[in-house]
Protein backbone atom coordinates (compact mmCIF):
# COMPACT_ATOMS: atom_id res chain seq x y z
CA UNK A 1 -37.41 5.69 7.29
CA UNK A 2 -35.80 7.40 4.30
CA UNK A 3 -35.23 4.17 2.36
CA UNK A 4 -38.74 3.01 3.19
CA UNK A 5 -40.25 5.98 1.37
CA UNK A 6 -38.88 4.60 -1.92
CA UNK A 7 -40.84 1.37 -1.51
CA UNK A 8 -44.09 1.16 -3.49
CA UNK A 9 -45.98 -0.33 -0.52
CA UNK A 10 -44.85 2.37 1.91
CA UNK A 11 -47.74 3.84 3.89
CA UNK A 12 -47.63 7.00 5.98
CA UNK A 13 -51.23 6.98 7.25
CA UNK A 14 -50.28 4.90 10.32
CA UNK A 15 -48.55 6.98 13.05
CA UNK A 16 -45.22 5.77 14.42
CA UNK A 17 -46.67 5.44 17.93
CA UNK A 18 -49.37 3.12 16.63
CA UNK A 19 -46.71 1.00 14.91
CA UNK A 20 -44.94 0.65 18.25
CA UNK A 21 -48.26 -0.20 19.93
CA UNK A 22 -48.69 -3.10 17.47
CA UNK A 23 -45.31 -4.66 18.36
CA UNK A 24 -46.55 -6.65 21.42
CA UNK A 25 -49.21 -8.28 19.24
CA UNK A 26 -46.58 -9.22 16.68
CA UNK A 27 -44.40 -10.79 19.39
CA UNK A 28 -47.42 -12.68 20.73
CA UNK A 29 -48.17 -14.17 17.31
CA UNK A 30 -44.56 -15.39 16.97
CA UNK A 31 -45.10 -17.62 19.98
CA UNK A 32 -48.66 -18.74 19.25
CA UNK A 33 -49.04 -19.24 15.49
CA UNK A 34 -46.52 -22.08 15.17
CA UNK A 35 -44.80 -24.41 17.61
CA UNK A 36 -41.29 -23.90 16.21
CA UNK A 37 -40.43 -20.56 17.82
CA UNK A 38 -41.49 -21.43 21.40
CA UNK A 39 -39.69 -24.79 21.07
CA UNK A 40 -36.49 -22.99 20.12
CA UNK A 41 -36.79 -20.71 23.16
CA UNK A 42 -37.41 -23.67 25.48
CA UNK A 43 -34.27 -25.49 24.31
CA UNK A 44 -32.20 -22.30 24.56
CA UNK A 45 -33.50 -21.82 28.12
CA UNK A 46 -32.56 -25.43 28.99
CA UNK A 47 -29.07 -24.99 27.56
CA UNK A 48 -28.65 -21.68 29.39
CA UNK A 49 -29.69 -23.29 32.68
CA UNK A 50 -27.26 -26.22 32.37
CA UNK A 51 -24.32 -24.04 31.33
CA UNK A 52 -24.98 -21.46 34.04
CA UNK A 53 -25.45 -24.04 36.81
CA UNK A 54 -23.08 -26.91 35.95
CA UNK A 55 -20.60 -25.78 33.27
CA UNK A 56 -19.86 -22.14 34.05
CA UNK A 57 -16.25 -22.35 32.94
CA UNK A 58 -14.39 -19.66 31.04
CA UNK A 59 -15.78 -21.02 27.77
CA UNK A 60 -19.24 -21.38 29.30
CA UNK A 61 -19.13 -17.77 30.47
CA UNK A 62 -18.34 -16.62 26.93
CA UNK A 63 -21.38 -18.52 25.62
CA UNK A 64 -23.65 -16.91 28.23
CA UNK A 65 -22.21 -13.49 27.30
CA UNK A 66 -23.04 -14.23 23.66
CA UNK A 67 -26.69 -14.76 24.62
CA UNK A 68 -26.69 -11.44 26.49
CA UNK A 69 -25.43 -9.64 23.38
CA UNK A 70 -28.13 -11.39 21.32
CA UNK A 71 -30.67 -10.08 23.82
CA UNK A 72 -29.35 -6.52 23.40
CA UNK A 73 -29.47 -6.89 19.61
CA UNK A 74 -33.02 -8.27 19.95
CA UNK A 75 -34.12 -5.16 21.85
CA UNK A 76 -32.45 -2.65 19.50
CA UNK A 77 -33.72 -4.41 16.37
CA UNK A 78 -37.30 -4.58 17.67
CA UNK A 79 -37.25 -0.89 18.58
CA UNK A 80 -35.97 0.06 15.10
CA UNK A 81 -38.50 -2.01 13.13
CA UNK A 82 -41.44 0.43 13.31
CA UNK A 83 -39.24 3.18 11.83
CA UNK A 84 -39.29 1.25 8.55
CA UNK A 85 -42.91 2.26 8.07
CA UNK A 86 -46.20 0.41 8.04
CA UNK A 87 -46.94 -2.34 5.53
CA UNK A 88 -50.42 -3.73 4.93
CA UNK A 89 -49.06 -7.27 4.62
CA UNK A 90 -47.51 -7.13 8.13
CA UNK A 91 -50.10 -5.33 10.18
CA UNK A 92 -48.33 -6.07 13.46
CA UNK A 93 -44.88 -4.87 12.25
CA UNK A 94 -43.16 -8.00 13.57
CA UNK A 95 -43.55 -11.12 11.45
CA UNK A 96 -41.69 -14.35 10.67
CA UNK A 97 -39.72 -12.65 7.89
CA UNK A 98 -38.92 -9.34 9.62
CA UNK A 99 -37.73 -11.22 12.70
CA UNK A 100 -35.37 -13.41 10.63
CA UNK A 101 -32.10 -11.74 11.83
CA UNK A 102 -33.07 -12.53 15.43
CA UNK A 103 -34.05 -16.10 14.51
CA UNK A 104 -30.63 -16.64 12.89
CA UNK A 105 -28.91 -15.36 16.06
CA UNK A 106 -30.99 -17.72 18.19
CA UNK A 107 -30.09 -20.66 15.94
CA UNK A 108 -26.44 -19.71 16.27
CA UNK A 109 -26.66 -19.72 20.07
CA UNK A 110 -28.63 -22.98 20.02
CA UNK A 111 -25.92 -24.68 17.96
CA UNK A 112 -23.07 -23.14 19.97
CA UNK A 113 -24.52 -24.04 23.37
CA UNK A 114 -25.64 -27.53 22.31
CA UNK A 115 -22.22 -28.40 20.90
CA UNK A 116 -20.58 -27.11 24.10
CA UNK A 117 -22.85 -29.26 26.29
CA UNK A 118 -22.37 -32.38 24.14
CA UNK A 119 -18.60 -31.97 24.60
CA UNK A 120 -18.74 -31.39 28.35
CA UNK A 121 -21.56 -33.61 29.61
CA UNK A 122 -20.03 -36.90 30.72
CA UNK A 123 -22.60 -39.05 32.52
CA UNK A 124 -25.78 -38.25 30.58
CA UNK A 125 -24.37 -37.39 27.17
CA UNK A 126 -26.55 -39.95 25.34
CA UNK A 127 -29.66 -38.62 27.12
CA UNK A 128 -28.88 -35.03 26.17
CA UNK A 129 -28.02 -36.01 22.60
CA UNK A 130 -31.37 -37.80 22.34
CA UNK A 131 -33.07 -34.65 23.63
CA UNK A 132 -31.41 -32.53 20.92
CA UNK A 133 -32.33 -35.00 18.15
CA UNK A 134 -35.93 -35.16 19.39
CA UNK A 135 -36.15 -31.37 19.45
CA UNK A 136 -34.77 -31.16 15.90
CA UNK A 137 -37.42 -33.59 14.64
CA UNK A 138 -40.24 -31.76 16.40
CA UNK A 139 -38.98 -28.36 15.21
CA UNK A 140 -38.69 -29.50 11.59
CA UNK A 141 -42.22 -30.89 11.65
CA UNK A 142 -43.64 -27.80 13.44
CA UNK A 143 -42.15 -25.45 10.86
CA UNK A 144 -43.06 -27.57 7.85
CA UNK A 145 -44.05 -25.61 4.76
CA UNK A 146 -46.37 -26.73 2.00
CA UNK A 147 -44.47 -26.70 -1.30
CA UNK A 148 -47.61 -26.01 -3.36
CA UNK A 149 -48.41 -22.65 -1.76
CA UNK A 150 -47.69 -20.79 -5.02
CA UNK A 151 -49.85 -22.94 -7.32
CA UNK A 152 -52.53 -20.26 -7.57
CA UNK A 153 -50.06 -17.53 -8.50
CA UNK A 154 -48.37 -19.79 -11.07
CA UNK A 155 -51.72 -20.51 -12.76
CA UNK A 156 -52.52 -16.79 -12.82
CA UNK A 157 -49.18 -15.97 -14.48
CA UNK A 158 -49.82 -18.67 -17.10
CA UNK A 159 -53.22 -17.11 -17.80
CA UNK A 160 -51.60 -13.70 -18.32
CA UNK A 161 -48.94 -15.11 -20.66
CA UNK A 162 -51.49 -17.06 -22.73
CA UNK A 163 -53.86 -14.10 -23.06
CA UNK A 164 -53.69 -11.73 -26.02
CA UNK A 165 -55.48 -8.94 -24.18
CA UNK A 166 -53.76 -5.83 -22.84
CA UNK A 167 -55.92 -6.02 -19.73
CA UNK A 168 -56.40 -9.51 -18.31
CA UNK A 169 -59.13 -10.44 -15.85
CA UNK A 170 -58.03 -13.39 -13.69
CA UNK A 171 -60.49 -16.10 -12.70
CA UNK A 172 -58.63 -17.10 -9.54
CA UNK A 173 -58.41 -14.72 -6.59
CA UNK A 174 -54.79 -14.95 -5.50
CA UNK A 175 -51.87 -12.60 -4.93
CA UNK A 176 -49.86 -12.19 -8.13
CA UNK A 177 -46.52 -10.44 -7.59
CA UNK A 178 -48.16 -8.54 -4.77
CA UNK A 179 -48.85 -8.78 -1.03
CA UNK A 180 -52.55 -8.24 -1.73
CA UNK A 181 -55.05 -9.36 -4.35
CA UNK A 182 -55.06 -6.77 -7.15
CA UNK A 183 -58.63 -5.78 -8.04
CA UNK A 184 -57.76 -2.52 -9.81
CA UNK A 185 -55.75 -3.15 -12.98
CA UNK A 186 -53.91 0.17 -12.50
CA UNK A 187 -52.18 -1.33 -9.45
CA UNK A 188 -50.50 -3.91 -11.68
CA UNK A 189 -48.65 -1.26 -13.72
CA UNK A 190 -45.19 -1.91 -12.23
CA UNK A 191 -45.65 -5.68 -12.24
CA UNK A 192 -46.77 -5.70 -15.87
CA UNK A 193 -43.78 -3.57 -16.85
CA UNK A 194 -41.41 -5.95 -15.08
CA UNK A 195 -42.94 -9.02 -16.74
CA UNK A 196 -42.53 -7.35 -20.12
CA UNK A 197 -38.91 -6.29 -19.46
CA UNK A 198 -38.08 -9.84 -18.37
CA UNK A 199 -39.69 -11.10 -21.62
CA UNK A 200 -42.20 -13.20 -19.70
CA UNK A 201 -44.93 -11.51 -21.72
CA UNK A 202 -44.66 -10.34 -25.33
CA UNK A 203 -46.26 -7.01 -24.49
CA UNK A 204 -47.25 -5.01 -21.43
CA UNK A 205 -50.34 -6.67 -19.99
CA UNK A 206 -52.17 -5.23 -17.01
CA UNK A 207 -54.21 -7.63 -14.89
CA UNK A 208 -56.67 -7.78 -12.01
CA UNK A 209 -58.81 -10.27 -10.10
CA UNK A 210 -62.59 -10.14 -9.95
CA UNK A 211 -62.93 -9.70 -6.21
CA UNK A 212 -60.90 -9.66 -3.02
CA UNK A 213 -61.28 -12.65 -0.66
CA UNK A 214 -61.44 -12.06 3.07
CA UNK A 215 -57.79 -12.72 3.91
CA UNK A 216 -56.03 -11.30 6.96
CA UNK A 217 -52.25 -11.34 7.20
CA UNK A 218 -51.10 -11.40 10.83
């Protein structure tokens, strides 16, 4: 909470209890917005079932214990998130980027458990290996990102650099070095200073867009 107060986007008008109340919605969106996250949980559940039922050796028990510790970390991390303060760009506190430490832990368990099963499955090893490859292909496609998502911001930055004005009005309504569209040029003060210090612009140039589109970040 202390470190969060030094962040320019820190907001204190949302009570802590309301931030906690938004957590279930954030968790819901993680499983419904894209197919990748639920697919990962399904495969982890399958691996857990096979290890627990058929390969519960000493090594298998250690892998299951690892998942339990990940679950404990999951709970503690989720409960700590709202203490970081409210951000307008993540209205439900939990988002694909704030949940990244948990996602990394789940990937670790997925790789650990899959490698263990590939080593220990004897009769249906090819079938299980095919299952893992198929999942990997589906997951990669489900989590595919468009590489041109920043075209609008790039064009806006070029417009700022090519302008000789100290206050630039942008034709395109996109987020430029900000989580929201800047319609008040005063809000670009820090960004303009940074661009000047990095020698992107030859002088300090404030900027703003004409209007704010109706965009909701979940």
